[in-house]
Amino acid sequence: MFQNSAPNLVTQLETINDKSIQNQAINLKKNIESFLNIVKFKPHEQYYALSKILFDKNYILLSLALIFESLRLYVADSFESINKEFYDIFAYNEKYNNYDICNFFIELLNSEYKKLKLVYKDSSDFNFDQKERLKKSIQSDKKTYPLTQNEFIKIQNSFKNKDEFADLNKKIKEKRNTLAHIDSKGANFQSIKNSISALILEYERLTSIND
């Protein structure tokens, strides 16, 4: 709906000649055009762009929450390009929502096999190949997918810089939780903002999002 109505609103804003509100109209027009550009991006790019806008306006907790979600989406999207067949197991299984998918692939980065929540270790299923196990998983009421330890290691190691991504995810999550519970240990606003800026810069470096 916004994409349909926004161009007409931009046109109307351009016709405003009243000097008392002209500056506000120009700023609103720029913001609308920015959002129109953002909706063309991939999901993780949308979250990143919105995070930057909110950061510049000093909504730092909201900015941090969005960069956290952006990182999770980036990791999931990356696994899709690395191993699409495995990714599709989740993406096209109605038992898994986007939250489940992101959680699973974030877990894959730096988890031990035995700690994976969406995997069960039913050895009888490992007599079947992956495609057969997929069929059994879809037919089952269990919200899990049978994955052997060797398959887990192979998929995990296919992700470049997995340890750095896992570490950044942990740091952003801890910072977000600290700020959400007003537990900044006496730090002033600028020092908190600087620490979040450093996390965003690390995100940009790892994802090469501005290249």
N, C-alpha and C. Protein backbone atom coordinates (compact mmCIF):
# COMPACT_ATOMS: atom_id res chain seq x y z
N MET A 1 0.83 -1.20 0.00
CA MET A 1 0.00 0.00 0.00
C MET A 1 0.87 1.26 0.00
N PHE A 2 1.92 1.27 0.84
CA PHE A 2 2.81 2.43 0.90
C PHE A 2 3.48 2.67 -0.45
N GLN A 3 3.93 1.59 -1.10
CA GLN A 3 4.60 1.72 -2.39
C GLN A 3 3.68 2.30 -3.45
N ASN A 4 2.38 2.00 -3.33
CA ASN A 4 1.41 2.50 -4.31
C ASN A 4 1.06 3.96 -4.09
N SER A 5 0.93 4.35 -2.83
CA SER A 5 0.49 5.71 -2.52
C SER A 5 1.63 6.72 -2.41
N ALA A 6 2.84 6.24 -2.11
CA ALA A 6 3.97 7.15 -1.87
C ALA A 6 4.31 8.04 -3.06
N PRO A 7 4.36 7.54 -4.30
CA PRO A 7 4.70 8.42 -5.42
C PRO A 7 3.75 9.60 -5.56
N ASN A 8 2.46 9.36 -5.33
CA ASN A 8 1.48 10.44 -5.40
C ASN A 8 1.71 11.45 -4.29
N LEU A 9 2.07 10.96 -3.11
CA LEU A 9 2.34 11.85 -1.97
C LEU A 9 3.58 12.70 -2.27
N VAL A 10 4.61 12.11 -2.85
CA VAL A 10 5.82 12.85 -3.22
C VAL A 10 5.48 13.97 -4.20
N THR A 11 4.64 13.66 -5.18
CA THR A 11 4.23 14.66 -6.17
C THR A 11 3.51 15.82 -5.50
N GLN A 12 2.64 15.52 -4.56
CA GLN A 12 1.91 16.57 -3.84
C GLN A 12 2.85 17.42 -2.99
N LEU A 13 3.83 16.79 -2.37
CA LEU A 13 4.78 17.53 -1.55
C LEU A 13 5.61 18.49 -2.39
N GLU A 14 5.89 18.11 -3.62
CA GLU A 14 6.69 18.95 -4.52
C GLU A 14 5.94 20.21 -4.94
N THR A 15 4.63 20.21 -4.81
CA THR A 15 3.83 21.38 -5.22
C THR A 15 3.63 22.39 -4.09
N ILE A 16 4.09 22.06 -2.90
CA ILE A 16 3.89 22.96 -1.75
C ILE A 16 4.81 24.17 -1.88
N ASN A 17 4.19 25.36 -1.86
CA ASN A 17 4.95 26.61 -1.98
C ASN A 17 4.89 27.46 -0.72
N ASP A 18 4.09 27.02 0.23
CA ASP A 18 3.95 27.74 1.49
C ASP A 18 5.28 27.66 2.25
N LYS A 19 5.95 28.82 2.39
CA LYS A 19 7.30 28.82 2.98
C LYS A 19 7.31 28.38 4.43
N SER A 20 6.16 28.49 5.12
CA SER A 20 6.11 28.10 6.53
C SER A 20 6.22 26.59 6.72
N ILE A 21 5.90 25.82 5.69
CA ILE A 21 5.97 24.36 5.80
C ILE A 21 6.81 23.73 4.68
N GLN A 22 7.42 24.58 3.86
CA GLN A 22 8.15 24.05 2.71
C GLN A 22 9.34 23.18 3.11
N ASN A 23 10.08 23.61 4.13
CA ASN A 23 11.23 22.83 4.58
C ASN A 23 10.80 21.46 5.10
N GLN A 24 9.68 21.44 5.87
CA GLN A 24 9.17 20.17 6.38
C GLN A 24 8.75 19.27 5.22
N ALA A 25 8.14 19.86 4.20
CA ALA A 25 7.70 19.09 3.04
C ALA A 25 8.89 18.48 2.30
N ILE A 26 9.97 19.26 2.18
CA ILE A 26 11.18 18.78 1.49
C ILE A 26 11.79 17.61 2.26
N ASN A 27 11.87 17.76 3.59
CA ASN A 27 12.43 16.69 4.42
C ASN A 27 11.58 15.42 4.37
N LEU A 28 10.25 15.62 4.40
CA LEU A 28 9.35 14.47 4.33
C LEU A 28 9.50 13.76 2.98
N LYS A 29 9.61 14.55 1.92
CA LYS A 29 9.80 13.98 0.59
C LYS A 29 11.07 13.13 0.53
N LYS A 30 12.16 13.65 1.10
CA LYS A 30 13.43 12.90 1.11
C LYS A 30 13.29 11.59 1.88
N ASN A 31 12.58 11.65 3.02
CA ASN A 31 12.40 10.44 3.83
C ASN A 31 11.57 9.40 3.09
N ILE A 32 10.52 9.85 2.42
CA ILE A 32 9.66 8.93 1.67
C ILE A 32 10.46 8.28 0.54
N GLU A 33 11.25 9.08 -0.16
CA GLU A 33 12.06 8.54 -1.26
C GLU A 33 13.09 7.54 -0.75
N SER A 34 13.62 7.79 0.44
CA SER A 34 14.57 6.85 1.05
C SER A 34 13.90 5.52 1.32
N PHE A 35 12.68 5.57 1.89
CA PHE A 35 11.95 4.34 2.19
C PHE A 35 11.57 3.59 0.92
N LEU A 36 11.24 4.34 -0.14
CA LEU A 36 10.91 3.70 -1.42
C LEU A 36 12.12 2.94 -1.97
N ASN A 37 13.30 3.49 -1.76
CA ASN A 37 14.52 2.80 -2.20
C ASN A 37 14.79 1.56 -1.35
N ILE A 38 14.52 1.68 -0.04
CA ILE A 38 14.81 0.59 0.89
C ILE A 38 13.99 -0.66 0.56
N VAL A 39 12.72 -0.47 0.17
CA VAL A 39 11.86 -1.64 -0.07
C VAL A 39 12.32 -2.46 -1.28
N LYS A 40 13.23 -1.90 -2.07
CA LYS A 40 13.77 -2.64 -3.22
C LYS A 40 14.92 -3.57 -2.82
N PHE A 41 15.43 -3.38 -1.60
CA PHE A 41 16.59 -4.14 -1.15
C PHE A 41 16.20 -5.55 -0.70
N LYS A 42 17.22 -6.39 -0.50
CA LYS A 42 17.01 -7.68 0.13
C LYS A 42 16.64 -7.45 1.59
N PRO A 43 15.96 -8.42 2.24
CA PRO A 43 15.52 -8.22 3.63
C PRO A 43 16.62 -7.77 4.58
N HIS A 44 17.79 -8.43 4.53
CA HIS A 44 18.85 -8.03 5.48
C HIS A 44 19.36 -6.63 5.16
N GLU A 45 19.32 -6.21 3.89
CA GLU A 45 19.73 -4.86 3.52
C GLU A 45 18.70 -3.83 3.99
N GLN A 46 17.43 -4.19 3.96
CA GLN A 46 16.39 -3.30 4.46
C GLN A 46 16.58 -3.02 5.95
N TYR A 47 16.82 -4.08 6.72
CA TYR A 47 17.02 -3.92 8.16
C TYR A 47 18.26 -3.07 8.43
N TYR A 48 19.31 -3.30 7.67
CA TYR A 48 20.54 -2.53 7.84
C TYR A 48 20.30 -1.05 7.55
N ALA A 49 19.63 -0.75 6.44
CA ALA A 49 19.37 0.64 6.05
C ALA A 49 18.52 1.35 7.10
N LEU A 50 17.50 0.67 7.59
CA LEU A 50 16.65 1.26 8.63
C LEU A 50 17.43 1.44 9.94
N SER A 51 18.31 0.51 10.22
CA SER A 51 19.14 0.63 11.42
C SER A 51 20.01 1.89 11.36
N LYS A 52 20.59 2.15 10.20
CA LYS A 52 21.44 3.33 10.03
C LYS A 52 20.64 4.62 10.19
N ILE A 53 19.43 4.64 9.62
CA ILE A 53 18.57 5.83 9.74
C ILE A 53 18.25 6.10 11.21
N LEU A 54 17.85 5.06 11.93
CA LEU A 54 17.50 5.22 13.34
C LEU A 54 18.71 5.58 14.19
N PHE A 55 19.87 5.02 13.83
CA PHE A 55 21.09 5.35 14.57
C PHE A 55 21.41 6.84 14.43
N ASP A 56 21.30 7.36 13.22
CA ASP A 56 21.58 8.78 12.98
C ASP A 56 20.62 9.69 13.73
N LYS A 57 19.42 9.16 14.02
CA LYS A 57 18.43 9.95 14.76
C LYS A 57 18.48 9.67 16.26
N ASN A 58 19.51 8.92 16.67
CA ASN A 58 19.76 8.60 18.08
C ASN A 58 18.77 7.62 18.70
N TYR A 59 18.04 6.86 17.88
CA TYR A 59 17.21 5.78 18.39
C TYR A 59 18.09 4.52 18.43
N ILE A 60 19.05 4.53 19.35
CA ILE A 60 20.12 3.55 19.27
C ILE A 60 19.68 2.13 19.64
N LEU A 61 18.72 1.99 20.56
CA LEU A 61 18.27 0.64 20.91
C LEU A 61 17.51 0.02 19.74
N LEU A 62 16.66 0.79 19.08
CA LEU A 62 15.94 0.30 17.90
C LEU A 62 16.93 -0.01 16.77
N SER A 63 17.93 0.84 16.63
CA SER A 63 18.96 0.61 15.62
C SER A 63 19.67 -0.71 15.87
N LEU A 64 20.00 -0.95 17.13
CA LEU A 64 20.71 -2.18 17.49
C LEU A 64 19.84 -3.41 17.25
N ALA A 65 18.56 -3.30 17.56
CA ALA A 65 17.63 -4.42 17.35
C ALA A 65 17.55 -4.77 15.87
N LEU A 66 17.56 -3.76 15.01
CA LEU A 66 17.47 -3.99 13.57
C LEU A 66 18.76 -4.58 13.00
N ILE A 67 19.90 -4.13 13.50
CA ILE A 67 21.16 -4.68 12.99
C ILE A 67 21.30 -6.13 13.45
N PHE A 68 20.74 -6.45 14.60
CA PHE A 68 20.72 -7.83 15.09
C PHE A 68 19.93 -8.73 14.14
N GLU A 69 18.72 -8.26 13.76
CA GLU A 69 17.89 -9.03 12.84
C GLU A 69 18.53 -9.10 11.45
N SER A 70 19.18 -8.01 11.04
CA SER A 70 19.84 -7.99 9.75
C SER A 70 20.94 -9.04 9.67
N LEU A 71 21.71 -9.17 10.75
CA LEU A 71 22.78 -10.16 10.78
C LEU A 71 22.23 -11.58 10.67
N ARG A 72 21.14 -11.85 11.39
CA ARG A 72 20.53 -13.18 11.35
C ARG A 72 20.04 -13.50 9.93
N LEU A 73 19.41 -12.53 9.29
CA LEU A 73 18.92 -12.73 7.93
C LEU A 73 20.07 -12.93 6.95
N TYR A 74 21.13 -12.16 7.15
CA TYR A 74 22.31 -12.29 6.26
C TYR A 74 22.89 -13.70 6.35
N VAL A 75 23.02 -14.20 7.56
CA VAL A 75 23.58 -15.54 7.75
C VAL A 75 22.70 -16.58 7.07
N ALA A 76 21.38 -16.49 7.28
CA ALA A 76 20.46 -17.45 6.65
C ALA A 76 20.54 -17.36 5.12
N ASP A 77 20.55 -16.12 4.60
CA ASP A 77 20.65 -15.93 3.14
C ASP A 77 21.97 -16.49 2.60
N SER A 78 23.03 -16.34 3.37
CA SER A 78 24.33 -16.84 2.93
C SER A 78 24.34 -18.36 2.84
N PHE A 79 23.72 -19.01 3.81
CA PHE A 79 23.64 -20.47 3.76
C PHE A 79 22.80 -20.93 2.57
N GLU A 80 21.83 -20.11 2.18
CA GLU A 80 21.03 -20.45 1.01
C GLU A 80 21.92 -20.51 -0.24
N SER A 81 22.83 -19.55 -0.37
CA SER A 81 23.71 -19.54 -1.55
C SER A 81 24.81 -20.59 -1.46
N ILE A 82 25.20 -20.94 -0.23
CA ILE A 82 26.25 -21.95 -0.03
C ILE A 82 25.71 -23.36 -0.27
N ASN A 83 24.53 -23.63 0.25
CA ASN A 83 23.95 -24.98 0.16
C ASN A 83 22.44 -24.84 0.04
N LYS A 84 21.98 -24.53 -1.16
CA LYS A 84 20.55 -24.24 -1.38
C LYS A 84 19.66 -25.44 -1.08
N GLU A 85 20.14 -26.62 -1.42
CA GLU A 85 19.33 -27.81 -1.18
C GLU A 85 19.03 -27.99 0.30
N PHE A 86 20.06 -27.76 1.12
CA PHE A 86 19.85 -27.88 2.57
C PHE A 86 18.98 -26.74 3.09
N TYR A 87 19.21 -25.52 2.61
CA TYR A 87 18.41 -24.38 3.03
C TYR A 87 16.94 -24.60 2.71
N ASP A 88 16.66 -25.14 1.53
CA ASP A 88 15.28 -25.33 1.09
C ASP A 88 14.52 -26.31 1.97
N ILE A 89 15.25 -27.17 2.67
CA ILE A 89 14.61 -28.09 3.60
C ILE A 89 13.78 -27.29 4.61
N PHE A 90 14.32 -26.15 5.02
CA PHE A 90 13.63 -25.30 5.99
C PHE A 90 12.70 -24.31 5.33
N ALA A 91 13.17 -23.68 4.27
CA ALA A 91 12.41 -22.61 3.64
C ALA A 91 11.07 -23.09 3.08
N TYR A 92 11.01 -24.35 2.63
CA TYR A 92 9.79 -24.86 2.02
C TYR A 92 9.06 -25.85 2.91
N ASN A 93 9.39 -25.85 4.17
CA ASN A 93 8.69 -26.70 5.13
C ASN A 93 7.85 -25.79 6.02
N GLU A 94 6.54 -25.92 5.94
CA GLU A 94 5.64 -24.99 6.64
C GLU A 94 5.76 -25.06 8.16
N LYS A 95 6.44 -26.09 8.67
CA LYS A 95 6.63 -26.16 10.12
C LYS A 95 7.61 -25.10 10.63
N TYR A 96 8.44 -24.59 9.71
CA TYR A 96 9.46 -23.62 10.11
C TYR A 96 9.06 -22.22 9.65
N ASN A 97 9.03 -21.26 10.57
CA ASN A 97 8.84 -19.87 10.18
C ASN A 97 10.20 -19.19 10.03
N ASN A 98 10.20 -17.93 9.64
CA ASN A 98 11.48 -17.22 9.42
C ASN A 98 12.33 -17.17 10.68
N TYR A 99 11.68 -17.05 11.83
CA TYR A 99 12.40 -17.00 13.10
C TYR A 99 13.15 -18.31 13.33
N ASP A 100 12.47 -19.44 13.06
CA ASP A 100 13.11 -20.76 13.20
C ASP A 100 14.32 -20.88 12.28
N ILE A 101 14.12 -20.45 11.03
CA ILE A 101 15.18 -20.58 10.02
C ILE A 101 16.41 -19.78 10.43
N CYS A 102 16.18 -18.52 10.82
CA CYS A 102 17.32 -17.67 11.24
C CYS A 102 18.01 -18.24 12.47
N ASN A 103 17.22 -18.70 13.43
CA ASN A 103 17.79 -19.27 14.65
C ASN A 103 18.67 -20.47 14.33
N PHE A 104 18.16 -21.33 13.44
CA PHE A 104 18.91 -22.55 13.13
C PHE A 104 20.25 -22.23 12.49
N PHE A 105 20.25 -21.33 11.52
CA PHE A 105 21.49 -21.05 10.81
C PHE A 105 22.46 -20.23 11.65
N ILE A 106 21.95 -19.41 12.55
CA ILE A 106 22.83 -18.73 13.52
C ILE A 106 23.47 -19.78 14.43
N GLU A 107 22.65 -20.75 14.88
CA GLU A 107 23.18 -21.82 15.72
C GLU A 107 24.26 -22.63 15.01
N LEU A 108 24.06 -22.83 13.73
CA LEU A 108 25.02 -23.62 12.96
C LEU A 108 26.42 -23.02 12.98
N LEU A 109 26.51 -21.71 13.15
CA LEU A 109 27.81 -21.04 13.06
C LEU A 109 28.79 -21.53 14.12
N ASN A 110 28.31 -21.67 15.35
CA ASN A 110 29.27 -21.90 16.43
C ASN A 110 28.71 -22.82 17.52
N SER A 111 27.83 -23.72 17.12
CA SER A 111 27.24 -24.64 18.10
C SER A 111 27.88 -26.01 18.00
N GLU A 112 27.76 -26.75 19.06
CA GLU A 112 28.13 -28.16 19.02
C GLU A 112 26.95 -28.94 18.46
N TYR A 113 27.24 -30.01 17.81
CA TYR A 113 26.20 -30.83 17.17
C TYR A 113 25.10 -31.20 18.17
N LYS A 114 25.50 -31.63 19.35
CA LYS A 114 24.53 -32.13 20.33
C LYS A 114 23.63 -31.03 20.88
N LYS A 115 24.01 -29.75 20.67
CA LYS A 115 23.21 -28.64 21.21
C LYS A 115 22.24 -28.04 20.20
N LEU A 116 22.28 -28.49 18.96
CA LEU A 116 21.37 -27.94 17.95
C LEU A 116 19.93 -28.27 18.30
N LYS A 117 19.08 -27.25 18.33
CA LYS A 117 17.70 -27.45 18.80
C LYS A 117 16.77 -28.02 17.74
N LEU A 118 17.06 -27.73 16.47
CA LEU A 118 16.16 -28.20 15.42
C LEU A 118 16.62 -29.51 14.79
N VAL A 119 17.53 -30.19 15.47
CA VAL A 119 18.03 -31.46 14.95
C VAL A 119 17.80 -32.56 15.99
N TYR A 120 17.29 -33.69 15.54
CA TYR A 120 17.24 -34.82 16.45
C TYR A 120 18.14 -35.92 15.92
N LYS A 121 18.60 -36.76 16.81
CA LYS A 121 19.63 -37.73 16.46
C LYS A 121 19.06 -39.14 16.52
N ASP A 122 18.06 -39.39 15.72
CA ASP A 122 17.45 -40.70 15.66
C ASP A 122 18.27 -41.56 14.69
N SER A 123 19.10 -42.43 15.24
CA SER A 123 20.04 -43.18 14.40
C SER A 123 19.36 -44.05 13.36
N SER A 124 18.13 -44.47 13.63
CA SER A 124 17.44 -45.32 12.66
C SER A 124 17.18 -44.57 11.36
N ASP A 125 16.99 -43.23 11.46
CA ASP A 125 16.74 -42.42 10.26
C ASP A 125 17.99 -42.28 9.40
N PHE A 126 19.15 -42.49 9.98
CA PHE A 126 20.39 -42.27 9.25
C PHE A 126 20.69 -43.42 8.28
N ASN A 127 19.80 -44.41 8.27
CA ASN A 127 19.91 -45.46 7.26
C ASN A 127 19.41 -44.96 5.90
N PHE A 128 18.74 -43.82 5.91
CA PHE A 128 18.21 -43.24 4.68
C PHE A 128 19.11 -42.09 4.23
N ASP A 129 19.07 -41.77 2.94
CA ASP A 129 19.82 -40.62 2.48
C ASP A 129 19.08 -39.34 2.84
N GLN A 130 19.69 -38.19 2.56
CA GLN A 130 19.10 -36.91 3.00
C GLN A 130 17.70 -36.69 2.44
N LYS A 131 17.49 -37.03 1.18
CA LYS A 131 16.19 -36.78 0.58
C LYS A 131 15.10 -37.61 1.24
N GLU A 132 15.42 -38.86 1.56
CA GLU A 132 14.45 -39.71 2.22
C GLU A 132 14.18 -39.20 3.64
N ARG A 133 15.24 -38.74 4.30
CA ARG A 133 15.05 -38.20 5.65
C ARG A 133 14.21 -36.94 5.62
N LEU A 134 14.37 -36.15 4.55
CA LEU A 134 13.56 -34.95 4.39
C LEU A 134 12.09 -35.31 4.28
N LYS A 135 11.79 -36.32 3.49
CA LYS A 135 10.39 -36.75 3.34
C LYS A 135 9.81 -37.19 4.68
N LYS A 136 10.59 -37.97 5.41
CA LYS A 136 10.15 -38.45 6.72
C LYS A 136 9.95 -37.29 7.69
N SER A 137 10.84 -36.30 7.61
CA SER A 137 10.76 -35.14 8.49
C SER A 137 9.50 -34.32 8.22
N ILE A 138 9.19 -34.10 6.95
CA ILE A 138 8.01 -33.32 6.58
C ILE A 138 6.73 -34.03 7.01
N GLN A 139 6.74 -35.34 6.90
CA GLN A 139 5.55 -36.12 7.28
C GLN A 139 5.39 -36.22 8.79
N SER A 140 6.48 -36.02 9.51
CA SER A 140 6.46 -36.15 10.97
C SER A 140 5.88 -34.90 11.62
N ASP A 141 5.35 -35.07 12.85
CA ASP A 141 4.87 -33.92 13.62
C ASP A 141 6.02 -33.20 14.32
N LYS A 142 7.20 -33.82 14.34
CA LYS A 142 8.34 -33.20 15.03
C LYS A 142 8.84 -31.99 14.24
N LYS A 143 9.16 -30.93 14.97
CA LYS A 143 9.69 -29.72 14.33
C LYS A 143 11.21 -29.81 14.31
N THR A 144 11.70 -30.86 13.69
CA THR A 144 13.14 -31.10 13.65
C THR A 144 13.52 -31.71 12.32
N TYR A 145 14.82 -31.72 12.07
CA TYR A 145 15.31 -32.36 10.86
C TYR A 145 16.48 -33.26 11.21
N PRO A 146 16.46 -34.52 10.79
CA PRO A 146 17.56 -35.43 11.13
C PRO A 146 18.82 -35.09 10.35
N LEU A 147 19.88 -34.83 11.09
CA LEU A 147 21.13 -34.40 10.47
C LEU A 147 22.27 -35.16 11.13
N THR A 148 23.10 -35.80 10.34
CA THR A 148 24.22 -36.53 10.92
C THR A 148 25.31 -35.54 11.34
N GLN A 149 26.19 -35.99 12.20
CA GLN A 149 27.25 -35.12 12.68
C GLN A 149 28.19 -34.72 11.54
N ASN A 150 28.49 -35.63 10.66
CA ASN A 150 29.36 -35.32 9.52
C ASN A 150 28.72 -34.28 8.61
N GLU A 151 27.41 -34.40 8.39
CA GLU A 151 26.70 -33.42 7.56
C GLU A 151 26.73 -32.05 8.24
N PHE A 152 26.54 -32.05 9.55
CA PHE A 152 26.58 -30.80 10.32
C PHE A 152 27.94 -30.12 10.17
N ILE A 153 29.02 -30.87 10.34
CA ILE A 153 30.37 -30.30 10.26
C ILE A 153 30.63 -29.75 8.86
N LYS A 154 30.21 -30.47 7.84
CA LYS A 154 30.43 -30.04 6.47
C LYS A 154 29.69 -28.73 6.18
N ILE A 155 28.45 -28.65 6.62
CA ILE A 155 27.65 -27.44 6.39
C ILE A 155 28.21 -26.27 7.20
N GLN A 156 28.57 -26.52 8.44
CA GLN A 156 29.11 -25.47 9.31
C GLN A 156 30.40 -24.89 8.73
N ASN A 157 31.27 -25.76 8.28
CA ASN A 157 32.57 -25.31 7.78
C ASN A 157 32.49 -24.65 6.41
N SER A 158 31.35 -24.73 5.77
CA SER A 158 31.20 -24.09 4.45
C SER A 158 30.99 -22.58 4.57
N PHE A 159 30.75 -22.11 5.80
CA PHE A 159 30.47 -20.68 6.01
C PHE A 159 31.77 -19.94 6.32
N LYS A 160 32.13 -18.99 5.47
CA LYS A 160 33.36 -18.23 5.64
C LYS A 160 33.26 -17.31 6.86
N ASN A 161 34.31 -17.26 7.64
CA ASN A 161 34.38 -16.40 8.83
C ASN A 161 33.28 -16.72 9.84
N LYS A 162 32.93 -17.99 9.96
CA LYS A 162 31.82 -18.37 10.82
C LYS A 162 32.04 -17.96 12.28
N ASP A 163 33.28 -18.07 12.75
CA ASP A 163 33.56 -17.72 14.15
C ASP A 163 33.38 -16.22 14.40
N GLU A 164 33.80 -15.41 13.44
CA GLU A 164 33.63 -13.96 13.58
C GLU A 164 32.16 -13.57 13.56
N PHE A 165 31.39 -14.20 12.70
CA PHE A 165 29.95 -13.92 12.66
C PHE A 165 29.27 -14.35 13.95
N ALA A 166 29.65 -15.52 14.45
CA ALA A 166 29.06 -16.01 15.70
C ALA A 166 29.40 -15.06 16.85
N ASP A 167 30.65 -14.57 16.87
CA ASP A 167 31.08 -13.65 17.93
C ASP A 167 30.34 -12.32 17.84
N LEU A 168 30.15 -11.81 16.61
CA LEU A 168 29.43 -10.55 16.45
C LEU A 168 27.97 -10.71 16.86
N ASN A 169 27.36 -11.81 16.49
CA ASN A 169 25.98 -12.06 16.89
C ASN A 169 25.85 -12.06 18.41
N LYS A 170 26.81 -12.69 19.08
CA LYS A 170 26.80 -12.74 20.54
C LYS A 170 26.95 -11.35 21.14
N LYS A 171 27.87 -10.55 20.60
CA LYS A 171 28.12 -9.20 21.14
C LYS A 171 26.90 -8.29 20.94
N ILE A 172 26.29 -8.37 19.76
CA ILE A 172 25.10 -7.52 19.51
C ILE A 172 23.95 -7.94 20.42
N LYS A 173 23.76 -9.25 20.58
CA LYS A 173 22.68 -9.75 21.44
C LYS A 173 22.88 -9.31 22.88
N GLU A 174 24.12 -9.41 23.38
CA GLU A 174 24.41 -9.01 24.76
C GLU A 174 24.21 -7.51 24.95
N LYS A 175 24.67 -6.72 23.98
CA LYS A 175 24.51 -5.26 24.07
C LYS A 175 23.04 -4.88 24.03
N ARG A 176 22.28 -5.51 23.15
CA ARG A 176 20.84 -5.25 23.06
C ARG A 176 20.14 -5.56 24.37
N ASN A 177 20.45 -6.71 24.96
CA ASN A 177 19.80 -7.11 26.21
C ASN A 177 20.18 -6.18 27.36
N THR A 178 21.45 -5.75 27.35
CA THR A 178 21.91 -4.83 28.40
C THR A 178 21.15 -3.51 28.34
N LEU A 179 21.01 -2.96 27.14
CA LEU A 179 20.33 -1.67 26.99
C LEU A 179 18.83 -1.80 27.24
N ALA A 180 18.25 -2.92 26.83
CA ALA A 180 16.81 -3.12 27.01
C ALA A 180 16.44 -3.18 28.48
N HIS A 181 17.39 -3.64 29.32
CA HIS A 181 17.14 -3.74 30.75
C HIS A 181 17.76 -2.59 31.53
N ILE A 182 18.13 -1.54 30.80
CA ILE A 182 18.69 -0.32 31.41
C ILE A 182 19.84 -0.68 32.34
N ASP A 183 20.76 -1.46 31.82
CA ASP A 183 21.88 -1.93 32.62
C ASP A 183 23.18 -1.55 31.92
N SER A 184 23.40 -0.25 31.78
CA SER A 184 24.58 0.21 31.04
C SER A 184 25.75 0.58 31.95
N LYS A 185 25.63 0.24 33.24
CA LYS A 185 26.73 0.39 34.21
C LYS A 185 27.31 1.81 34.23
N GLY A 186 26.43 2.79 34.21
CA GLY A 186 26.85 4.17 34.36
C GLY A 186 27.42 4.81 33.12
N ALA A 187 27.43 4.12 32.00
CA ALA A 187 27.97 4.69 30.77
C ALA A 187 27.09 5.83 30.27
N ASN A 188 27.70 6.88 29.72
CA ASN A 188 26.89 7.98 29.19
C ASN A 188 26.41 7.64 27.78
N PHE A 189 25.49 8.47 27.29
CA PHE A 189 24.85 8.19 26.01
C PHE A 189 25.86 8.08 24.88
N GLN A 190 26.84 8.99 24.84
CA GLN A 190 27.79 9.01 23.74
C GLN A 190 28.66 7.76 23.73
N SER A 191 29.06 7.30 24.90
CA SER A 191 29.90 6.10 24.95
C SER A 191 29.11 4.87 24.51
N ILE A 192 27.82 4.83 24.87
CA ILE A 192 26.96 3.72 24.43
C ILE A 192 26.79 3.78 22.92
N LYS A 193 26.56 4.99 22.41
CA LYS A 193 26.39 5.14 20.96
C LYS A 193 27.67 4.74 20.22
N ASN A 194 28.80 5.10 20.77
CA ASN A 194 30.08 4.73 20.14
C ASN A 194 30.27 3.22 20.09
N SER A 195 29.85 2.54 21.15
CA SER A 195 29.99 1.09 21.19
C SER A 195 29.09 0.42 20.17
N ILE A 196 27.89 0.99 19.96
CA ILE A 196 26.97 0.46 18.95
C ILE A 196 27.50 0.75 17.56
N SER A 197 28.07 1.93 17.38
CA SER A 197 28.68 2.28 16.10
C SER A 197 29.78 1.29 15.73
N ALA A 198 30.55 0.87 16.72
CA ALA A 198 31.63 -0.10 16.47
C ALA A 198 31.06 -1.45 16.01
N LEU A 199 29.92 -1.84 16.59
CA LEU A 199 29.27 -3.09 16.20
C LEU A 199 28.74 -3.00 14.77
N ILE A 200 28.17 -1.85 14.42
CA ILE A 200 27.67 -1.65 13.06
C ILE A 200 28.83 -1.68 12.06
N LEU A 201 29.94 -1.05 12.42
CA LEU A 201 31.11 -1.06 11.54
C LEU A 201 31.64 -2.48 11.34
N GLU A 202 31.61 -3.27 12.42
CA GLU A 202 32.06 -4.66 12.31
C GLU A 202 31.11 -5.45 11.41
N TYR A 203 29.82 -5.19 11.53
CA TYR A 203 28.82 -5.82 10.66
C TYR A 203 29.12 -5.46 9.20
N GLU A 204 29.39 -4.20 8.95
CA GLU A 204 29.66 -3.74 7.57
C GLU A 204 30.91 -4.42 7.02
N ARG A 205 31.92 -4.58 7.86
CA ARG A 205 33.17 -5.21 7.42
C ARG A 205 32.94 -6.67 7.05
N LEU A 206 32.24 -7.40 7.93
CA LEU A 206 32.05 -8.82 7.71
C LEU A 206 31.13 -9.12 6.51
N THR A 207 30.09 -8.31 6.36
CA THR A 207 29.11 -8.57 5.30
C THR A 207 29.49 -7.90 3.98
N SER A 208 30.44 -6.94 4.03
CA SER A 208 30.82 -6.15 2.84
C SER A 208 29.58 -5.51 2.22
N ILE A 209 28.67 -5.07 3.04
CA ILE A 209 27.38 -4.58 2.55
C ILE A 209 27.50 -3.27 1.76
N ASN A 210 28.57 -2.52 2.00
CA ASN A 210 28.74 -1.25 1.30
C ASN A 210 29.69 -1.33 0.11
N ASP A 211 30.15 -2.54 -0.19
CA ASP A 211 31.08 -2.69 -1.32
C ASP A 211 30.36 -2.59 -2.66
